[in-house]
Amino acid sequence: MQTEQLEIRVQISAKCTDTWSLASLWIKSNPMLIKCIAAQYIPHMGCSSQDLESEALLVAYQTISSLFQSEKDLSCMARYFRVVFRSRCIQMTMGIKVVDDLDPEIINVPNEDETLPQELDQDVIDAALASLTNRQRQVAKWILSQPSPVNTDLVGEHFGISTRGVRRLINDAVTRIENGHRNVCRTIPALT
């Protein structure tokens, strides 16, 4: 009975301590876990080791807070941290800005006065298509001519290509356009 009360007191005192200091202490005591989780994503992230440590601290704080709220034992911390931190690393590699709550001030909604362009600039499209191979150009023109978005299965059926072949063709086309974007931008006169 006394050991149960002692465990309850330890958990209550842990809850009463500063969550930030608990998170900071946990991060300092588990640097190898953080490095191991982030190792495969670091080459693709645009952040320093200090940024990564800060993200780990935020994830640790969120994890500890949620464990306290759900009244779970802190021994589950490493398991929950792994999942959440791996997700955060993936988001950082994709350049996703992480926002926990949808704040109306953060969401950019165009005003009625702002008109969005309905048509794409044909000169830019033509210059981008010029950098593609004949087959890539043929597929890209067909996709652009469709009234609604199409999937790779539909493109494959139309051109007699496997779905995997369509994905590879589109990926190669995008890579060609990205690598040739400097030339595309040079051929289009700047709008003033």
C-alpha atoms as a PDB file:
ATOM      1  CA  MET A   1       0.000   0.000   0.000  1.00  0.00           C
ATOM      2  CA  GLN A   2       2.832   2.412   0.848  1.00  0.00           C
ATOM      3  CA  THR A   3       4.643   1.685  -2.431  1.00  0.00           C
ATOM      4  CA  GLU A   4       1.490   2.487  -4.403  1.00  0.00           C
ATOM      5  CA  GLN A   5       1.122   5.778  -2.544  1.00  0.00           C
ATOM      6  CA  LEU A   6       4.771   6.535  -3.152  1.00  0.00           C
ATOM      7  CA  GLU A   7       4.362   5.893  -6.908  1.00  0.00           C
ATOM      8  CA  ILE A   8       1.301   8.129  -6.981  1.00  0.00           C
ATOM      9  CA  ARG A   9       3.224  10.872  -5.152  1.00  0.00           C
ATOM     10  CA  VAL A  10       6.115  10.579  -7.623  1.00  0.00           C
ATOM     11  CA  GLN A  11       3.756  10.883 -10.582  1.00  0.00           C
ATOM     12  CA  ILE A  12       1.942  13.838  -9.001  1.00  0.00           C
ATOM     13  CA  SER A  13       5.226  15.587  -8.189  1.00  0.00           C
ATOM     14  CA  ALA A  14       6.415  14.919 -11.747  1.00  0.00           C
ATOM     15  CA  LYS A  15       3.236  16.513 -13.058  1.00  0.00           C
ATOM     16  CA  CYS A  16       3.739  19.512 -10.821  1.00  0.00           C
ATOM     17  CA  THR A  17       7.279  20.150 -12.006  1.00  0.00           C
ATOM     18  CA  ASP A  18       7.910  22.293 -14.993  1.00  0.00           C
ATOM     19  CA  THR A  19       7.098  20.339 -18.167  1.00  0.00           C
ATOM     20  CA  TRP A  20       9.740  22.265 -20.081  1.00  0.00           C
ATOM     21  CA  SER A  21      12.468  21.217 -17.680  1.00  0.00           C
ATOM     22  CA  LEU A  22      11.305  17.591 -17.908  1.00  0.00           C
ATOM     23  CA  ALA A  23      11.385  17.786 -21.697  1.00  0.00           C
ATOM     24  CA  SER A  24      14.803  19.420 -21.655  1.00  0.00           C
ATOM     25  CA  LEU A  25      16.156  16.824 -19.263  1.00  0.00           C
ATOM     26  CA  TRP A  26      14.737  14.011 -21.391  1.00  0.00           C
ATOM     27  CA  ILE A  27      16.311  15.456 -24.551  1.00  0.00           C
ATOM     28  CA  LYS A  28      19.701  15.839 -22.848  1.00  0.00           C
ATOM     29  CA  SER A  29      19.588  12.251 -21.622  1.00  0.00           C
ATOM     30  CA  ASN A  30      18.596  10.773 -25.017  1.00  0.00           C
ATOM     31  CA  PRO A  31      20.787  12.453 -27.666  1.00  0.00           C
ATOM     32  CA  MET A  32      21.549   9.174 -29.468  1.00  0.00           C
ATOM     33  CA  LEU A  33      17.853   8.381 -29.891  1.00  0.00           C
ATOM     34  CA  ILE A  34      17.298  11.784 -31.490  1.00  0.00           C
ATOM     35  CA  LYS A  35      20.273  11.347 -33.820  1.00  0.00           C
ATOM     36  CA  CYS A  36      19.199   7.843 -34.803  1.00  0.00           C
ATOM     37  CA  ILE A  37      15.645   8.919 -35.628  1.00  0.00           C
ATOM     38  CA  ALA A  38      16.743  11.983 -37.599  1.00  0.00           C
ATOM     39  CA  ALA A  39      19.794  10.427 -39.316  1.00  0.00           C
ATOM     40  CA  GLN A  40      18.040   9.372 -42.507  1.00  0.00           C
ATOM     41  CA  TYR A  41      16.253  12.729 -42.850  1.00  0.00           C
ATOM     42  CA  ILE A  42      19.097  15.156 -42.002  1.00  0.00           C
ATOM     43  CA  PRO A  43      20.539  15.322 -45.558  1.00  0.00           C
ATOM     44  CA  HIS A  44      17.144  16.473 -46.828  1.00  0.00           C
ATOM     45  CA  MET A  45      16.385  18.984 -44.081  1.00  0.00           C
ATOM     46  CA  GLY A  46      17.232  22.617 -44.341  1.00  0.00           C
ATOM     47  CA  CYS A  47      18.104  23.015 -40.685  1.00  0.00           C
ATOM     48  CA  SER A  48      21.078  23.097 -38.365  1.00  0.00           C
ATOM     49  CA  SER A  49      21.729  20.719 -35.481  1.00  0.00           C
ATOM     50  CA  GLN A  50      20.487  23.412 -33.103  1.00  0.00           C
ATOM     51  CA  ASP A  51      17.207  23.630 -35.030  1.00  0.00           C
ATOM     52  CA  LEU A  52      16.878  19.865 -34.867  1.00  0.00           C
ATOM     53  CA  GLU A  53      17.473  19.895 -31.117  1.00  0.00           C
ATOM     54  CA  SER A  54      14.833  22.615 -30.725  1.00  0.00           C
ATOM     55  CA  GLU A  55      12.332  20.553 -32.715  1.00  0.00           C
ATOM     56  CA  ALA A  56      13.125  17.536 -30.544  1.00  0.00           C
ATOM     57  CA  LEU A  57      12.544  19.654 -27.435  1.00  0.00           C
ATOM     58  CA  LEU A  58       9.165  20.801 -28.762  1.00  0.00           C
ATOM     59  CA  VAL A  59       8.164  17.226 -29.574  1.00  0.00           C
ATOM     60  CA  ALA A  60       9.288  16.058 -26.124  1.00  0.00           C
ATOM     61  CA  TYR A  61       7.257  18.839 -24.502  1.00  0.00           C
ATOM     62  CA  GLN A  62       4.166  17.938 -26.565  1.00  0.00           C
ATOM     63  CA  THR A  63       4.597  14.248 -25.800  1.00  0.00           C
ATOM     64  CA  ILE A  64       5.034  14.765 -22.055  1.00  0.00           C
ATOM     65  CA  SER A  65       2.045  17.123 -21.982  1.00  0.00           C
ATOM     66  CA  SER A  66      -0.160  14.627 -23.778  1.00  0.00           C
ATOM     67  CA  LEU A  67       0.992  11.809 -21.485  1.00  0.00           C
ATOM     68  CA  PHE A  68       0.097  13.945 -18.464  1.00  0.00           C
ATOM     69  CA  GLN A  69      -3.309  14.823 -19.934  1.00  0.00           C
ATOM     70  CA  SER A  70      -4.151  11.211 -20.709  1.00  0.00           C
ATOM     71  CA  GLU A  71      -2.758  10.193 -17.291  1.00  0.00           C
ATOM     72  CA  LYS A  72      -0.306   7.693 -18.790  1.00  0.00           C
ATOM     73  CA  ASP A  73       3.003   6.657 -17.319  1.00  0.00           C
ATOM     74  CA  LEU A  74       6.135   8.489 -18.481  1.00  0.00           C
ATOM     75  CA  SER A  75       7.765   5.141 -19.241  1.00  0.00           C
ATOM     76  CA  CYS A  76       5.898   5.289 -22.590  1.00  0.00           C
ATOM     77  CA  MET A  77       7.734   8.489 -23.491  1.00  0.00           C
ATOM     78  CA  ALA A  78      10.330   6.949 -25.814  1.00  0.00           C
ATOM     79  CA  ARG A  79       7.738   5.047 -27.858  1.00  0.00           C
ATOM     80  CA  TYR A  80       5.492   8.085 -28.345  1.00  0.00           C
ATOM     81  CA  PHE A  81       8.456  10.394 -28.960  1.00  0.00           C
ATOM     82  CA  ARG A  82       9.798   8.146 -31.743  1.00  0.00           C
ATOM     83  CA  VAL A  83       6.544   8.284 -33.684  1.00  0.00           C
ATOM     84  CA  VAL A  84       5.938  12.008 -33.277  1.00  0.00           C
ATOM     85  CA  PHE A  85       9.551  13.056 -33.884  1.00  0.00           C
ATOM     86  CA  ARG A  86       9.837  10.880 -36.998  1.00  0.00           C
ATOM     87  CA  SER A  87       6.682  12.537 -38.355  1.00  0.00           C
ATOM     88  CA  ARG A  88       8.129  15.971 -37.569  1.00  0.00           C
ATOM     89  CA  CYS A  89      11.382  15.061 -39.361  1.00  0.00           C
ATOM     90  CA  ILE A  90       9.433  13.981 -42.434  1.00  0.00           C
ATOM     91  CA  GLN A  91       7.500  17.251 -42.367  1.00  0.00           C
ATOM     92  CA  MET A  92      10.755  19.191 -42.109  1.00  0.00           C
ATOM     93  CA  THR A  93      12.184  17.386 -45.146  1.00  0.00           C
ATOM     94  CA  MET A  94       9.125  18.354 -47.155  1.00  0.00           C
ATOM     95  CA  GLY A  95       9.299  21.944 -45.999  1.00  0.00           C
ATOM     96  CA  ILE A  96       5.924  21.849 -44.316  1.00  0.00           C
ATOM     97  CA  LYS A  97       5.347  24.622 -41.851  1.00  0.00           C
ATOM     98  CA  VAL A  98       4.002  22.958 -38.737  1.00  0.00           C
ATOM     99  CA  VAL A  99       1.018  24.734 -37.173  1.00  0.00           C
ATOM    100  CA  ASP A 100      -0.766  22.987 -34.326  1.00  0.00           C
ATOM    101  CA  ASP A 101      -3.888  25.119 -34.162  1.00  0.00           C
ATOM    102  CA  LEU A 102      -5.596  26.680 -37.140  1.00  0.00           C
ATOM    103  CA  ASP A 103      -5.395  30.333 -36.232  1.00  0.00           C
ATOM    104  CA  PRO A 104      -7.571  32.498 -38.505  1.00  0.00           C
ATOM    105  CA  GLU A 105      -4.812  35.115 -38.584  1.00  0.00           C
ATOM    106  CA  ILE A 106      -2.318  32.559 -39.939  1.00  0.00           C
ATOM    107  CA  ILE A 107      -4.575  31.274 -42.721  1.00  0.00           C
ATOM    108  CA  ASN A 108      -4.186  33.397 -45.832  1.00  0.00           C
ATOM    109  CA  VAL A 109      -7.592  33.819 -47.440  1.00  0.00           C
ATOM    110  CA  PRO A 110      -7.664  36.042 -50.520  1.00  0.00           C
ATOM    111  CA  ASN A 111      -9.896  39.074 -50.276  1.00  0.00           C
ATOM    112  CA  GLU A 112     -12.703  39.587 -52.746  1.00  0.00           C
ATOM    113  CA  ASP A 113     -10.654  42.411 -54.285  1.00  0.00           C
ATOM    114  CA  GLU A 114      -7.781  40.031 -55.019  1.00  0.00           C
ATOM    115  CA  THR A 115      -8.449  38.140 -58.211  1.00  0.00           C
ATOM    116  CA  LEU A 116      -6.641  34.901 -58.775  1.00  0.00           C
ATOM    117  CA  PRO A 117      -5.396  34.277 -62.306  1.00  0.00           C
ATOM    118  CA  GLN A 118      -7.772  31.859 -64.009  1.00  0.00           C
ATOM    119  CA  GLU A 119      -5.429  30.933 -66.849  1.00  0.00           C
ATOM    120  CA  LEU A 120      -1.789  29.964 -66.740  1.00  0.00           C
ATOM    121  CA  ASP A 121       0.699  32.017 -68.727  1.00  0.00           C
ATOM    122  CA  GLN A 122       0.893  30.282 -72.107  1.00  0.00           C
ATOM    123  CA  ASP A 123       4.457  31.521 -72.761  1.00  0.00           C
ATOM    124  CA  VAL A 124       5.706  29.831 -69.579  1.00  0.00           C
ATOM    125  CA  ILE A 125       3.880  26.606 -70.446  1.00  0.00           C
ATOM    126  CA  ASP A 126       5.296  26.582 -73.992  1.00  0.00           C
ATOM    127  CA  ALA A 127       8.826  27.238 -72.745  1.00  0.00           C
ATOM    128  CA  ALA A 128       8.537  24.439 -70.167  1.00  0.00           C
ATOM    129  CA  LEU A 129       7.122  22.016 -72.745  1.00  0.00           C
ATOM    130  CA  ALA A 130       9.986  22.857 -75.107  1.00  0.00           C
ATOM    131  CA  SER A 131      12.465  21.409 -72.610  1.00  0.00           C
ATOM    132  CA  LEU A 132      10.727  17.978 -72.675  1.00  0.00           C
ATOM    133  CA  THR A 133      11.249  15.003 -74.956  1.00  0.00           C
ATOM    134  CA  ASN A 134       8.611  14.354 -77.625  1.00  0.00           C
ATOM    135  CA  ARG A 135       6.897  11.601 -75.596  1.00  0.00           C
ATOM    136  CA  GLN A 136       6.938  13.667 -72.396  1.00  0.00           C
ATOM    137  CA  ARG A 137       5.559  16.659 -74.294  1.00  0.00           C
ATOM    138  CA  GLN A 138       2.790  14.528 -75.826  1.00  0.00           C
ATOM    139  CA  VAL A 139       1.711  13.193 -72.419  1.00  0.00           C
ATOM    140  CA  ALA A 140       2.001  16.603 -70.740  1.00  0.00           C
ATOM    141  CA  LYS A 141      -0.113  18.317 -73.421  1.00  0.00           C
ATOM    142  CA  TRP A 142      -2.789  15.622 -73.092  1.00  0.00           C
ATOM    143  CA  ILE A 143      -2.848  15.999 -69.284  1.00  0.00           C
ATOM    144  CA  LEU A 144      -3.091  19.796 -69.586  1.00  0.00           C
ATOM    145  CA  SER A 145      -5.927  19.515 -72.108  1.00  0.00           C
ATOM    146  CA  GLN A 146      -8.131  17.477 -69.773  1.00  0.00           C
ATOM    147  CA  PRO A 147     -11.016  19.383 -68.174  1.00  0.00           C
ATOM    148  CA  SER A 148     -10.413  17.758 -64.781  1.00  0.00           C
ATOM    149  CA  PRO A 149      -7.381  16.228 -63.038  1.00  0.00           C
ATOM    150  CA  VAL A 150      -6.406  12.748 -64.239  1.00  0.00           C
ATOM    151  CA  ASN A 151      -4.606   9.949 -62.432  1.00  0.00           C
ATOM    152  CA  THR A 152      -1.739   7.800 -63.661  1.00  0.00           C
ATOM    153  CA  ASP A 153      -4.065   4.869 -64.398  1.00  0.00           C
ATOM    154  CA  LEU A 154      -6.083   6.963 -66.855  1.00  0.00           C
ATOM    155  CA  VAL A 155      -2.939   8.347 -68.513  1.00  0.00           C
ATOM    156  CA  GLY A 156      -1.556   4.807 -68.793  1.00  0.00           C
ATOM    157  CA  GLU A 157      -4.758   3.528 -70.403  1.00  0.00           C
ATOM    158  CA  HIS A 158      -4.812   6.384 -72.912  1.00  0.00           C
ATOM    159  CA  PHE A 159      -1.171   5.976 -73.988  1.00  0.00           C
ATOM    160  CA  GLY A 160      -0.779   2.223 -73.452  1.00  0.00           C
ATOM    161  CA  ILE A 161       1.832   2.642 -70.720  1.00  0.00           C
ATOM    162  CA  SER A 162       2.002   0.934 -67.333  1.00  0.00           C
ATOM    163  CA  THR A 163       1.187   3.036 -64.275  1.00  0.00           C
ATOM    164  CA  ARG A 164       4.791   2.773 -63.162  1.00  0.00           C
ATOM    165  CA  GLY A 165       5.946   3.940 -66.607  1.00  0.00           C
ATOM    166  CA  VAL A 166       3.615   6.942 -66.403  1.00  0.00           C
ATOM    167  CA  ARG A 167       5.001   7.890 -62.997  1.00  0.00           C
ATOM    168  CA  ARG A 168       8.565   7.584 -64.262  1.00  0.00           C
ATOM    169  CA  LEU A 169       7.759   9.628 -67.387  1.00  0.00           C
ATOM    170  CA  ILE A 170       6.106  12.397 -65.350  1.00  0.00           C
ATOM    171  CA  ASN A 171       8.919  12.388 -62.790  1.00  0.00           C
ATOM    172  CA  ASP A 172      11.529  12.672 -65.554  1.00  0.00           C
ATOM    173  CA  ALA A 173       9.535  15.471 -67.175  1.00  0.00           C
ATOM    174  CA  VAL A 174       9.321  17.421 -63.937  1.00  0.00           C
ATOM    175  CA  THR A 175      13.053  16.934 -63.387  1.00  0.00           C
ATOM    176  CA  ARG A 176      13.773  18.222 -66.907  1.00  0.00           C
ATOM    177  CA  ILE A 177      11.594  21.271 -66.287  1.00  0.00           C
ATOM    178  CA  GLU A 178      13.210  21.934 -62.903  1.00  0.00           C
ATOM    179  CA  ASN A 179      16.705  21.610 -64.334  1.00  0.00           C
ATOM    180  CA  GLY A 180      15.798  23.778 -67.291  1.00  0.00           C
ATOM    181  CA  HIS A 181      13.885  26.389 -65.317  1.00  0.00           C
ATOM    182  CA  ARG A 182      16.788  28.791 -65.473  1.00  0.00           C
ATOM    183  CA  ASN A 183      16.677  28.674 -69.257  1.00  0.00           C
ATOM    184  CA  VAL A 184      12.885  28.935 -69.263  1.00  0.00           C
ATOM    185  CA  CYS A 185      13.034  32.025 -67.058  1.00  0.00           C
ATOM    186  CA  ARG A 186      15.653  33.635 -69.310  1.00  0.00           C
ATOM    187  CA  THR A 187      13.519  33.194 -72.421  1.00  0.00           C
ATOM    188  CA  ILE A 188      10.432  34.822 -70.874  1.00  0.00           C
ATOM    189  CA  PRO A 189      10.593  38.617 -70.692  1.00  0.00           C
ATOM    190  CA  ALA A 190      10.154  39.979 -67.178  1.00  0.00           C
ATOM    191  CA  LEU A 191       6.826  41.574 -66.392  1.00  0.00           C
ATOM    192  CA  THR A 192       7.185  45.203 -65.313  1.00  0.00           C
END
